[in-house]
Full PDB file with SEQRES, HELIX, SHEET, SSBOND, CRYST1, ORIGX, SCALE, CONECT and MASTER records, all heavy atoms in Angstrom:
SEQRES   1 A   38  GLU PHE LYS LYS SER THR SER GLU LEU LYS LYS ALA ILE          
SEQRES   2 A   38  ILE SER ILE CYS SER ILE LEU ASN LYS HIS GLY LYS GLY          
SEQRES   3 A   38  THR VAL TYR PHE GLY VAL GLU ASP ASP GLY ILE VAL              
HELIX    1 AA1 THR A    6  GLU A    8  5                                   3    
HELIX    2 AA2 LEU A    9  HIS A   23  1                                  15    
SHEET    1 AA1 2 PHE A   2  LYS A   3  0                                        
SHEET    2 AA1 2 TYR A  29  PHE A  30  1                                        
CRYST1    1.000    1.000    1.000  90.00  90.00  90.00 P 1           1          
ORIGX1      1.000000  0.000000  0.000000        0.00000                         
ORIGX2      0.000000  1.000000  0.000000        0.00000                         
ORIGX3      0.000000  0.000000  1.000000        0.00000                         
SCALE1      1.000000  0.000000  0.000000        0.00000                         
SCALE2      0.000000  1.000000  0.000000        0.00000                         
SCALE3      0.000000  0.000000  1.000000        0.00000                         
ATOM      1  N   GLU A   1     -95.569  72.953 103.786  1.00  0.00           N  
ATOM      2  CA  GLU A   1     -94.284  73.624 103.709  1.00  0.00           C  
ATOM      3  C   GLU A   1     -94.413  75.010 104.325  1.00  0.00           C  
ATOM      4  O   GLU A   1     -95.420  75.723 104.149  1.00  0.00           O  
ATOM      5  CB  GLU A   1     -93.858  73.757 102.230  1.00  0.00           C  
ATOM      6  CG  GLU A   1     -92.552  74.493 102.012  1.00  0.00           C  
ATOM      7  CD  GLU A   1     -91.343  73.752 102.524  1.00  0.00           C  
ATOM      8  OE1 GLU A   1     -91.383  72.547 102.745  1.00  0.00           O  
ATOM      9  OE2 GLU A   1     -90.285  74.382 102.686  1.00  0.00           O  
ATOM     10  N   PHE A   2     -93.396  75.412 105.090  1.00  0.00           N  
ATOM     11  CA  PHE A   2     -93.348  76.729 105.722  1.00  0.00           C  
ATOM     12  C   PHE A   2     -92.310  77.568 105.060  1.00  0.00           C  
ATOM     13  O   PHE A   2     -91.198  77.125 104.775  1.00  0.00           O  
ATOM     14  CB  PHE A   2     -93.008  76.629 107.227  1.00  0.00           C  
ATOM     15  CG  PHE A   2     -93.983  75.837 108.021  1.00  0.00           C  
ATOM     16  CD1 PHE A   2     -93.534  75.128 109.108  1.00  0.00           C  
ATOM     17  CD2 PHE A   2     -95.322  75.795 107.702  1.00  0.00           C  
ATOM     18  CE1 PHE A   2     -94.440  74.391 109.910  1.00  0.00           C  
ATOM     19  CE2 PHE A   2     -96.212  75.067 108.469  1.00  0.00           C  
ATOM     20  CZ  PHE A   2     -95.785  74.364 109.597  1.00  0.00           C  
ATOM     21  N   LYS A   3     -92.652  78.851 104.860  1.00  0.00           N  
ATOM     22  CA  LYS A   3     -91.692  79.839 104.397  1.00  0.00           C  
ATOM     23  C   LYS A   3     -91.829  81.096 105.303  1.00  0.00           C  
ATOM     24  O   LYS A   3     -92.941  81.516 105.592  1.00  0.00           O  
ATOM     25  CB  LYS A   3     -91.959  80.226 102.943  1.00  0.00           C  
ATOM     26  CG  LYS A   3     -91.759  79.067 101.931  1.00  0.00           C  
ATOM     27  CD  LYS A   3     -90.340  78.603 101.979  1.00  0.00           C  
ATOM     28  CE  LYS A   3     -90.119  77.379 101.057  1.00  0.00           C  
ATOM     29  NZ  LYS A   3     -88.929  76.631 101.440  1.00  0.00           N  
ATOM     30  N   LYS A   4     -90.693  81.608 105.720  1.00  0.00           N  
ATOM     31  CA  LYS A   4     -90.711  82.779 106.620  1.00  0.00           C  
ATOM     32  C   LYS A   4     -91.383  83.959 105.981  1.00  0.00           C  
ATOM     33  O   LYS A   4     -92.093  84.674 106.630  1.00  0.00           O  
ATOM     34  CB  LYS A   4     -89.253  83.095 107.021  1.00  0.00           C  
ATOM     35  CG  LYS A   4     -89.122  84.184 108.049  1.00  0.00           C  
ATOM     36  CD  LYS A   4     -87.717  84.363 108.505  1.00  0.00           C  
ATOM     37  CE  LYS A   4     -87.637  85.395 109.607  1.00  0.00           C  
ATOM     38  NZ  LYS A   4     -86.257  85.576 110.036  1.00  0.00           N  
ATOM     39  N   SER A   5     -91.154  84.136 104.677  1.00  0.00           N  
ATOM     40  CA  SER A   5     -91.812  85.283 103.954  1.00  0.00           C  
ATOM     41  C   SER A   5     -91.819  85.006 102.473  1.00  0.00           C  
ATOM     42  O   SER A   5     -91.249  84.019 102.001  1.00  0.00           O  
ATOM     43  CB  SER A   5     -91.005  86.568 104.242  1.00  0.00           C  
ATOM     44  OG  SER A   5     -89.811  86.576 103.472  1.00  0.00           O  
ATOM     45  N   THR A   6     -92.463  85.882 101.778  1.00  0.00           N  
ATOM     46  CA  THR A   6     -92.526  85.737 100.285  1.00  0.00           C  
ATOM     47  C   THR A   6     -91.200  85.985  99.633  1.00  0.00           C  
ATOM     48  O   THR A   6     -91.041  85.781  98.411  1.00  0.00           O  
ATOM     49  CB  THR A   6     -93.610  86.684  99.693  1.00  0.00           C  
ATOM     50  OG1 THR A   6     -93.388  87.968 100.165  1.00  0.00           O  
ATOM     51  CG2 THR A   6     -95.004  86.203 100.071  1.00  0.00           C  
ATOM     52  N   SER A   7     -90.210  86.369 100.391  1.00  0.00           N  
ATOM     53  CA  SER A   7     -88.850  86.477  99.782  1.00  0.00           C  
ATOM     54  C   SER A   7     -88.349  85.051  99.398  1.00  0.00           C  
ATOM     55  O   SER A   7     -87.401  84.921  98.608  1.00  0.00           O  
ATOM     56  CB  SER A   7     -87.854  87.123 100.758  1.00  0.00           C  
ATOM     57  OG  SER A   7     -87.680  86.282 101.882  1.00  0.00           O  
ATOM     58  N   GLU A   8     -89.008  84.056  99.904  1.00  0.00           N  
ATOM     59  CA  GLU A   8     -88.687  82.667  99.592  1.00  0.00           C  
ATOM     60  C   GLU A   8     -89.685  82.046  98.589  1.00  0.00           C  
ATOM     61  O   GLU A   8     -89.884  80.864  98.537  1.00  0.00           O  
ATOM     62  CB  GLU A   8     -88.696  81.797 100.876  1.00  0.00           C  
ATOM     63  CG  GLU A   8     -87.644  82.241 101.874  1.00  0.00           C  
ATOM     64  CD  GLU A   8     -87.704  81.355 103.110  1.00  0.00           C  
ATOM     65  OE1 GLU A   8     -88.626  81.476 103.899  1.00  0.00           O  
ATOM     66  OE2 GLU A   8     -86.764  80.557 103.266  1.00  0.00           O  
ATOM     67  N   LEU A   9     -90.306  82.930  97.787  1.00  0.00           N  
ATOM     68  CA  LEU A   9     -91.322  82.487  96.846  1.00  0.00           C  
ATOM     69  C   LEU A   9     -90.838  81.470  95.828  1.00  0.00           C  
ATOM     70  O   LEU A   9     -91.484  80.465  95.564  1.00  0.00           O  
ATOM     71  CB  LEU A   9     -91.971  83.663  96.101  1.00  0.00           C  
ATOM     72  CG  LEU A   9     -93.091  83.388  95.164  1.00  0.00           C  
ATOM     73  CD1 LEU A   9     -94.210  82.625  95.809  1.00  0.00           C  
ATOM     74  CD2 LEU A   9     -93.617  84.712  94.552  1.00  0.00           C  
ATOM     75  N   LYS A  10     -89.630  81.631  95.314  1.00  0.00           N  
ATOM     76  CA  LYS A  10     -89.069  80.690  94.349  1.00  0.00           C  
ATOM     77  C   LYS A  10     -88.929  79.288  94.994  1.00  0.00           C  
ATOM     78  O   LYS A  10     -89.342  78.273  94.381  1.00  0.00           O  
ATOM     79  CB  LYS A  10     -87.729  81.144  93.802  1.00  0.00           C  
ATOM     80  CG  LYS A  10     -87.155  80.183  92.729  1.00  0.00           C  
ATOM     81  CD  LYS A  10     -85.908  80.708  92.101  1.00  0.00           C  
ATOM     82  CE  LYS A  10     -85.433  79.710  91.038  1.00  0.00           C  
ATOM     83  NZ  LYS A  10     -84.263  80.198  90.319  1.00  0.00           N  
ATOM     84  N   LYS A  11     -88.450  79.214  96.190  1.00  0.00           N  
ATOM     85  CA  LYS A  11     -88.331  77.941  96.908  1.00  0.00           C  
ATOM     86  C   LYS A  11     -89.717  77.349  97.167  1.00  0.00           C  
ATOM     87  O   LYS A  11     -89.900  76.118  97.099  1.00  0.00           O  
ATOM     88  CB  LYS A  11     -87.581  78.098  98.224  1.00  0.00           C  
ATOM     89  CG  LYS A  11     -86.118  78.351  98.069  1.00  0.00           C  
ATOM     90  CD  LYS A  11     -85.447  78.538  99.424  1.00  0.00           C  
ATOM     91  CE  LYS A  11     -83.976  78.904  99.292  1.00  0.00           C  
ATOM     92  NZ  LYS A  11     -83.377  79.103 100.611  1.00  0.00           N  
ATOM     93  N   ALA A  12     -90.686  78.210  97.452  1.00  0.00           N  
ATOM     94  CA  ALA A  12     -92.034  77.740  97.690  1.00  0.00           C  
ATOM     95  C   ALA A  12     -92.648  77.130  96.442  1.00  0.00           C  
ATOM     96  O   ALA A  12     -93.330  76.093  96.475  1.00  0.00           O  
ATOM     97  CB  ALA A  12     -92.938  78.913  98.193  1.00  0.00           C  
ATOM     98  N   ILE A  13     -92.381  77.711  95.273  1.00  0.00           N  
ATOM     99  CA  ILE A  13     -92.883  77.216  94.011  1.00  0.00           C  
ATOM    100  C   ILE A  13     -92.283  75.850  93.721  1.00  0.00           C  
ATOM    101  O   ILE A  13     -92.981  74.920  93.263  1.00  0.00           O  
ATOM    102  CB  ILE A  13     -92.670  78.221  92.891  1.00  0.00           C  
ATOM    103  CG1 ILE A  13     -93.610  79.434  93.090  1.00  0.00           C  
ATOM    104  CG2 ILE A  13     -92.814  77.602  91.509  1.00  0.00           C  
ATOM    105  CD1 ILE A  13     -93.373  80.598  92.188  1.00  0.00           C  
ATOM    106  N   ILE A  14     -91.003  75.681  94.011  1.00  0.00           N  
ATOM    107  CA  ILE A  14     -90.369  74.369  93.851  1.00  0.00           C  
ATOM    108  C   ILE A  14     -91.031  73.360  94.798  1.00  0.00           C  
ATOM    109  O   ILE A  14     -91.254  72.195  94.406  1.00  0.00           O  
ATOM    110  CB  ILE A  14     -88.850  74.496  94.076  1.00  0.00           C  
ATOM    111  CG1 ILE A  14     -88.231  75.258  92.889  1.00  0.00           C  
ATOM    112  CG2 ILE A  14     -88.175  73.085  94.228  1.00  0.00           C  
ATOM    113  CD1 ILE A  14     -86.803  75.689  93.095  1.00  0.00           C  
ATOM    114  N   SER A  15     -91.284  73.759  96.007  1.00  0.00           N  
ATOM    115  CA  SER A  15     -91.982  72.866  96.991  1.00  0.00           C  
ATOM    116  C   SER A  15     -93.343  72.481  96.499  1.00  0.00           C  
ATOM    117  O   SER A  15     -93.777  71.317  96.592  1.00  0.00           O  
ATOM    118  CB  SER A  15     -92.069  73.503  98.354  1.00  0.00           C  
ATOM    119  OG  SER A  15     -90.791  73.673  98.926  1.00  0.00           O  
ATOM    120  N   ILE A  16     -94.095  73.445  95.921  1.00  0.00           N  
ATOM    121  CA  ILE A  16     -95.433  73.162  95.413  1.00  0.00           C  
ATOM    122  C   ILE A  16     -95.317  72.075  94.331  1.00  0.00           C  
ATOM    123  O   ILE A  16     -96.070  71.090  94.306  1.00  0.00           O  
ATOM    124  CB  ILE A  16     -96.119  74.433  94.861  1.00  0.00           C  
ATOM    125  CG1 ILE A  16     -96.499  75.357  96.032  1.00  0.00           C  
ATOM    126  CG2 ILE A  16     -97.360  74.107  94.012  1.00  0.00           C  
ATOM    127  CD1 ILE A  16     -96.905  76.745  95.629  1.00  0.00           C  
ATOM    128  N   CYS A  17     -94.415  72.253  93.383  1.00  0.00           N  
ATOM    129  CA  CYS A  17     -94.171  71.280  92.338  1.00  0.00           C  
ATOM    130  C   CYS A  17     -93.835  69.905  92.870  1.00  0.00           C  
ATOM    131  O   CYS A  17     -94.412  68.894  92.454  1.00  0.00           O  
ATOM    132  CB  CYS A  17     -93.032  71.792  91.442  1.00  0.00           C  
ATOM    133  SG  CYS A  17     -92.455  70.633  90.211  1.00  0.00           S  
ATOM    134  N   SER A  18     -92.939  69.843  93.799  1.00  0.00           N  
ATOM    135  CA  SER A  18     -92.511  68.548  94.333  1.00  0.00           C  
ATOM    136  C   SER A  18     -93.626  67.863  95.116  1.00  0.00           C  
ATOM    137  O   SER A  18     -93.793  66.648  95.026  1.00  0.00           O  
ATOM    138  CB  SER A  18     -91.256  68.690  95.209  1.00  0.00           C  
ATOM    139  OG  SER A  18     -91.495  69.321  96.404  1.00  0.00           O  
ATOM    140  N   ILE A  19     -94.428  68.622  95.832  1.00  0.00           N  
ATOM    141  CA  ILE A  19     -95.567  68.064  96.599  1.00  0.00           C  
ATOM    142  C   ILE A  19     -96.628  67.520  95.600  1.00  0.00           C  
ATOM    143  O   ILE A  19     -97.156  66.436  95.773  1.00  0.00           O  
ATOM    144  CB  ILE A  19     -96.149  69.082  97.569  1.00  0.00           C  
ATOM    145  CG1 ILE A  19     -95.173  69.339  98.704  1.00  0.00           C  
ATOM    146  CG2 ILE A  19     -97.487  68.590  98.113  1.00  0.00           C  
ATOM    147  CD1 ILE A  19     -95.486  70.583  99.583  1.00  0.00           C  
ATOM    148  N   LEU A  20     -96.902  68.304  94.535  1.00  0.00           N  
ATOM    149  CA  LEU A  20     -97.868  67.896  93.530  1.00  0.00           C  
ATOM    150  C   LEU A  20     -97.447  66.554  92.909  1.00  0.00           C  
ATOM    151  O   LEU A  20     -98.238  65.660  92.688  1.00  0.00           O  
ATOM    152  CB  LEU A  20     -98.012  68.925  92.448  1.00  0.00           C  
ATOM    153  CG  LEU A  20     -98.844  70.149  92.787  1.00  0.00           C  
ATOM    154  CD1 LEU A  20     -98.667  71.217  91.709  1.00  0.00           C  
ATOM    155  CD2 LEU A  20    -100.305  69.781  92.981  1.00  0.00           C  
ATOM    156  N   ASN A  21     -96.151  66.440  92.614  1.00  0.00           N  
ATOM    157  CA  ASN A  21     -95.653  65.223  91.945  1.00  0.00           C  
ATOM    158  C   ASN A  21     -95.756  63.964  92.822  1.00  0.00           C  
ATOM    159  O   ASN A  21     -95.875  62.863  92.301  1.00  0.00           O  
ATOM    160  CB  ASN A  21     -94.219  65.392  91.421  1.00  0.00           C  
ATOM    161  CG  ASN A  21     -94.199  66.261  90.185  1.00  0.00           C  
ATOM    162  OD1 ASN A  21     -95.152  66.317  89.441  1.00  0.00           O  
ATOM    163  ND2 ASN A  21     -93.050  66.938  89.963  1.00  0.00           N  
ATOM    164  N   LYS A  22     -95.716  64.170  94.106  1.00  0.00           N  
ATOM    165  CA  LYS A  22     -95.789  63.016  95.012  1.00  0.00           C  
ATOM    166  C   LYS A  22     -97.198  62.785  95.582  1.00  0.00           C  
ATOM    167  O   LYS A  22     -97.674  61.666  95.658  1.00  0.00           O  
ATOM    168  CB  LYS A  22     -94.799  63.133  96.157  1.00  0.00           C  
ATOM    169  CG  LYS A  22     -94.767  61.874  97.028  1.00  0.00           C  
ATOM    170  CD  LYS A  22     -93.521  61.705  97.741  1.00  0.00           C  
ATOM    171  CE  LYS A  22     -93.478  60.359  98.479  1.00  0.00           C  
ATOM    172  NZ  LYS A  22     -92.273  60.299  99.304  1.00  0.00           N  
ATOM    173  N   HIS A  23     -97.873  63.869  96.008  1.00  0.00           N  
ATOM    174  CA  HIS A  23     -99.115  63.757  96.745  1.00  0.00           C  
ATOM    175  C   HIS A  23    -100.377  64.303  96.025  1.00  0.00           C  
ATOM    176  O   HIS A  23    -101.488  64.019  96.455  1.00  0.00           O  
ATOM    177  CB  HIS A  23     -98.988  64.384  98.125  1.00  0.00           C  
ATOM    178  CG  HIS A  23     -97.943  63.763  98.949  1.00  0.00           C  
ATOM    179  ND1 HIS A  23     -98.097  62.550  99.582  1.00  0.00           N  
ATOM    180  CD2 HIS A  23     -96.673  64.177  99.250  1.00  0.00           C  
ATOM    181  CE1 HIS A  23     -96.971  62.227 100.226  1.00  0.00           C  
ATOM    182  NE2 HIS A  23     -96.100  63.192 100.047  1.00  0.00           N  
ATOM    183  N   GLY A  24    -100.146  65.159  95.017  1.00  0.00           N  
ATOM    184  CA  GLY A  24    -101.289  65.718  94.307  1.00  0.00           C  
ATOM    185  C   GLY A  24    -101.940  66.909  94.952  1.00  0.00           C  
ATOM    186  O   GLY A  24    -102.763  67.590  94.333  1.00  0.00           O  
ATOM    187  N   LYS A  25    -101.590  67.193  96.196  1.00  0.00           N  
ATOM    188  CA  LYS A  25    -102.142  68.393  96.884  1.00  0.00           C  
ATOM    189  C   LYS A  25    -101.341  68.746  98.113  1.00  0.00           C  
ATOM    190  O   LYS A  25    -100.621  67.848  98.662  1.00  0.00           O  
ATOM    191  CB  LYS A  25    -103.607  68.164  97.306  1.00  0.00           C  
ATOM    192  CG  LYS A  25    -103.820  67.090  98.328  1.00  0.00           C  
ATOM    193  CD  LYS A  25    -105.277  66.947  98.680  1.00  0.00           C  
ATOM    194  CE  LYS A  25    -105.427  65.872  99.729  1.00  0.00           C  
ATOM    195  NZ  LYS A  25    -106.854  65.802 100.175  1.00  0.00           N  
ATOM    196  N   GLY A  26    -101.414  69.974  98.563  1.00  0.00           N  
ATOM    197  CA  GLY A  26    -100.661  70.400  99.729  1.00  0.00           C  
ATOM    198  C   GLY A  26    -100.956  71.816 100.097  1.00  0.00           C  
ATOM    199  O   GLY A  26    -101.823  72.473  99.511  1.00  0.00           O  
ATOM    200  N   THR A  27    -100.148  72.328 101.048  1.00  0.00           N  
ATOM    201  CA  THR A  27    -100.320  73.696 101.557  1.00  0.00           C  
ATOM    202  C   THR A  27     -98.942  74.318 101.808  1.00  0.00           C  
ATOM    203  O   THR A  27     -98.057  73.675 102.405  1.00  0.00           O  
ATOM    204  CB  THR A  27    -101.141  73.689 102.852  1.00  0.00           C  
ATOM    205  OG1 THR A  27    -102.360  72.942 102.605  1.00  0.00           O  
ATOM    206  CG2 THR A  27    -101.498  75.089 103.297  1.00  0.00           C  
ATOM    207  N   VAL A  28     -98.830  75.596 101.449  1.00  0.00           N  
ATOM    208  CA  VAL A  28     -97.641  76.401 101.787  1.00  0.00           C  
ATOM    209  C   VAL A  28     -98.096  77.558 102.684  1.00  0.00           C  
ATOM    210  O   VAL A  28     -99.077  78.209 102.332  1.00  0.00           O  
ATOM    211  CB  VAL A  28     -96.908  76.935 100.538  1.00  0.00           C  
ATOM    212  CG1 VAL A  28     -95.806  77.895 100.926  1.00  0.00           C  
ATOM    213  CG2 VAL A  28     -96.308  75.788  99.703  1.00  0.00           C  
ATOM    214  N   TYR A  29     -97.365  77.778 103.766  1.00  0.00           N  
ATOM    215  CA  TYR A  29     -97.645  78.878 104.664  1.00  0.00           C  
ATOM    216  C   TYR A  29     -96.533  79.891 104.551  1.00  0.00           C  
ATOM    217  O   TYR A  29     -95.360  79.523 104.758  1.00  0.00           O  
ATOM    218  CB  TYR A  29     -97.694  78.404 106.132  1.00  0.00           C  
ATOM    219  CG  TYR A  29     -98.852  77.512 106.487  1.00  0.00           C  
ATOM    220  CD1 TYR A  29     -98.901  76.191 106.162  1.00  0.00           C  
ATOM    221  CD2 TYR A  29     -99.947  78.044 107.198  1.00  0.00           C  
ATOM    222  CE1 TYR A  29     -99.958  75.380 106.493  1.00  0.00           C  
ATOM    223  CE2 TYR A  29    -101.035  77.248 107.567  1.00  0.00           C  
ATOM    224  CZ  TYR A  29    -101.027  75.924 107.193  1.00  0.00           C  
ATOM    225  OH  TYR A  29    -102.067  75.113 107.534  1.00  0.00           O  
ATOM    226  N   PHE A  30     -96.849  81.129 104.259  1.00  0.00           N  
ATOM    227  CA  PHE A  30     -95.883  82.260 104.302  1.00  0.00           C  
ATOM    228  C   PHE A  30     -96.105  82.983 105.625  1.00  0.00           C  
ATOM    229  O   PHE A  30     -97.217  83.348 105.962  1.00  0.00           O  
ATOM    230  CB  PHE A  30     -96.087  83.205 103.167  1.00  0.00           C  
ATOM    231  CG  PHE A  30     -95.678  82.658 101.820  1.00  0.00           C  
ATOM    232  CD1 PHE A  30     -96.656  82.173 100.955  1.00  0.00           C  
ATOM    233  CD2 PHE A  30     -94.376  82.599 101.442  1.00  0.00           C  
ATOM    234  CE1 PHE A  30     -96.278  81.643  99.726  1.00  0.00           C  
ATOM    235  CE2 PHE A  30     -93.976  82.111 100.202  1.00  0.00           C  
ATOM    236  CZ  PHE A  30     -94.939  81.570  99.349  1.00  0.00           C  
ATOM    237  N   GLY A  31     -94.998  83.176 106.381  1.00  0.00           N  
ATOM    238  CA  GLY A  31     -95.113  83.822 107.699  1.00  0.00           C  
ATOM    239  C   GLY A  31     -94.886  82.833 108.836  1.00  0.00           C  
ATOM    240  O   GLY A  31     -95.108  83.123 109.987  1.00  0.00           O  
ATOM    241  N   VAL A  32     -94.368  81.672 108.455  1.00  0.00           N  
ATOM    242  CA  VAL A  32     -94.070  80.622 109.461  1.00  0.00           C  
ATOM    243  C   VAL A  32     -92.660  80.077 109.203  1.00  0.00           C  
ATOM    244  O   VAL A  32     -92.312  79.744 108.076  1.00  0.00           O  
ATOM    245  CB  VAL A  32     -95.083  79.436 109.390  1.00  0.00           C  
ATOM    246  CG1 VAL A  32     -94.800  78.406 110.449  1.00  0.00           C  
ATOM    247  CG2 VAL A  32     -96.507  79.953 109.484  1.00  0.00           C  
ATOM    248  N   GLU A  33     -91.838  80.051 110.258  1.00  0.00           N  
ATOM    249  CA  GLU A  33     -90.464  79.584 110.104  1.00  0.00           C  
ATOM    250  C   GLU A  33     -90.469  78.043 110.047  1.00  0.00           C  
ATOM    251  O   GLU A  33     -91.451  77.376 110.416  1.00  0.00           O  
ATOM    252  CB  GLU A  33     -89.638  80.032 111.326  1.00  0.00           C  
ATOM    253  CG  GLU A  33     -89.409  81.537 111.310  1.00  0.00           C  
ATOM    254  CD  GLU A  33     -88.488  82.018 112.388  1.00  0.00           C  
ATOM    255  OE1 GLU A  33     -88.146  81.245 113.348  1.00  0.00           O  
ATOM    256  OE2 GLU A  33     -88.048  83.189 112.304  1.00  0.00           O  
ATOM    257  N   ASP A  34     -89.373  77.488 109.552  1.00  0.00           N  
ATOM    258  CA  ASP A  34     -89.197  76.045 109.386  1.00  0.00           C  
ATOM    259  C   ASP A  34     -89.552  75.226 110.634  1.00  0.00           C  
ATOM    260  O   ASP A  34     -90.058  74.136 110.548  1.00  0.00           O  
ATOM    261  CB  ASP A  34     -87.809  75.652 108.927  1.00  0.00           C  
ATOM    262  CG  ASP A  34     -87.545  76.025 107.445  1.00  0.00           C  
ATOM    263  OD1 ASP A  34     -88.504  76.286 106.742  1.00  0.00           O  
ATOM    264  OD2 ASP A  34     -86.383  76.043 107.079  1.00  0.00           O  
ATOM    265  N   ASP A  35     -89.279  75.790 111.778  1.00  0.00           N  
ATOM    266  CA  ASP A  35     -89.537  75.083 113.035  1.00  0.00           C  
ATOM    267  C   ASP A  35     -90.986  75.253 113.523  1.00  0.00           C  
ATOM    268  O   ASP A  35     -91.331  74.758 114.604  1.00  0.00           O  
ATOM    269  CB  ASP A  35     -88.576  75.523 114.142  1.00  0.00           C  
ATOM    270  CG  ASP A  35     -88.623  77.000 114.426  1.00  0.00           C  
ATOM    271  OD1 ASP A  35     -89.513  77.703 113.894  1.00  0.00           O  
ATOM    272  OD2 ASP A  35     -87.775  77.457 115.233  1.00  0.00           O  
ATOM    273  N   GLY A  36     -91.832  75.926 112.720  1.00  0.00           N  
ATOM    274  CA  GLY A  36     -93.279  76.039 113.045  1.00  0.00           C  
ATOM    275  C   GLY A  36     -93.624  77.283 113.833  1.00  0.00           C  
ATOM    276  O   GLY A  36     -94.765  77.509 114.125  1.00  0.00           O  
ATOM    277  N   ILE A  37     -92.646  78.150 114.153  1.00  0.00           N  
ATOM    278  CA  ILE A  37     -92.935  79.367 114.862  1.00  0.00           C  
ATOM    279  C   ILE A  37     -93.584  80.390 113.911  1.00  0.00           C  
ATOM    280  O   ILE A  37     -92.992  80.688 112.884  1.00  0.00           O  
ATOM    281  CB  ILE A  37     -91.694  79.916 115.576  1.00  0.00           C  
ATOM    282  CG1 ILE A  37     -91.206  78.940 116.620  1.00  0.00           C  
ATOM    283  CG2 ILE A  37     -91.945  81.290 116.188  1.00  0.00           C  
ATOM    284  CD1 ILE A  37     -89.904  79.272 117.261  1.00  0.00           C  
ATOM    285  N   VAL A  38     -94.680  80.935 114.286  1.00  0.00           N  
ATOM    286  CA  VAL A  38     -95.406  81.894 113.470  1.00  0.00           C  
ATOM    287  C   VAL A  38     -94.740  83.271 113.667  1.00  0.00           C  
ATOM    288  O   VAL A  38     -94.668  83.769 114.769  1.00  0.00           O  
ATOM    289  CB  VAL A  38     -96.908  81.986 113.818  1.00  0.00           C  
ATOM    290  CG1 VAL A  38     -97.605  83.003 112.975  1.00  0.00           C  
ATOM    291  CG2 VAL A  38     -97.559  80.607 113.632  1.00  0.00           C  
TER     292      VAL A  38                                                      
MASTER        0    0    0    2    2    0    0    6  291    1    0    3          
END                                                                             
């Protein structure tokens, strides 16, 4: 999951939860836009 900044921390936490429930592990990047641009 990509988040442009930590201003999206709440959304990132929800993503962490949803990824854990389906896959058991994952990665969130802060400083990367949804389209993958750093």
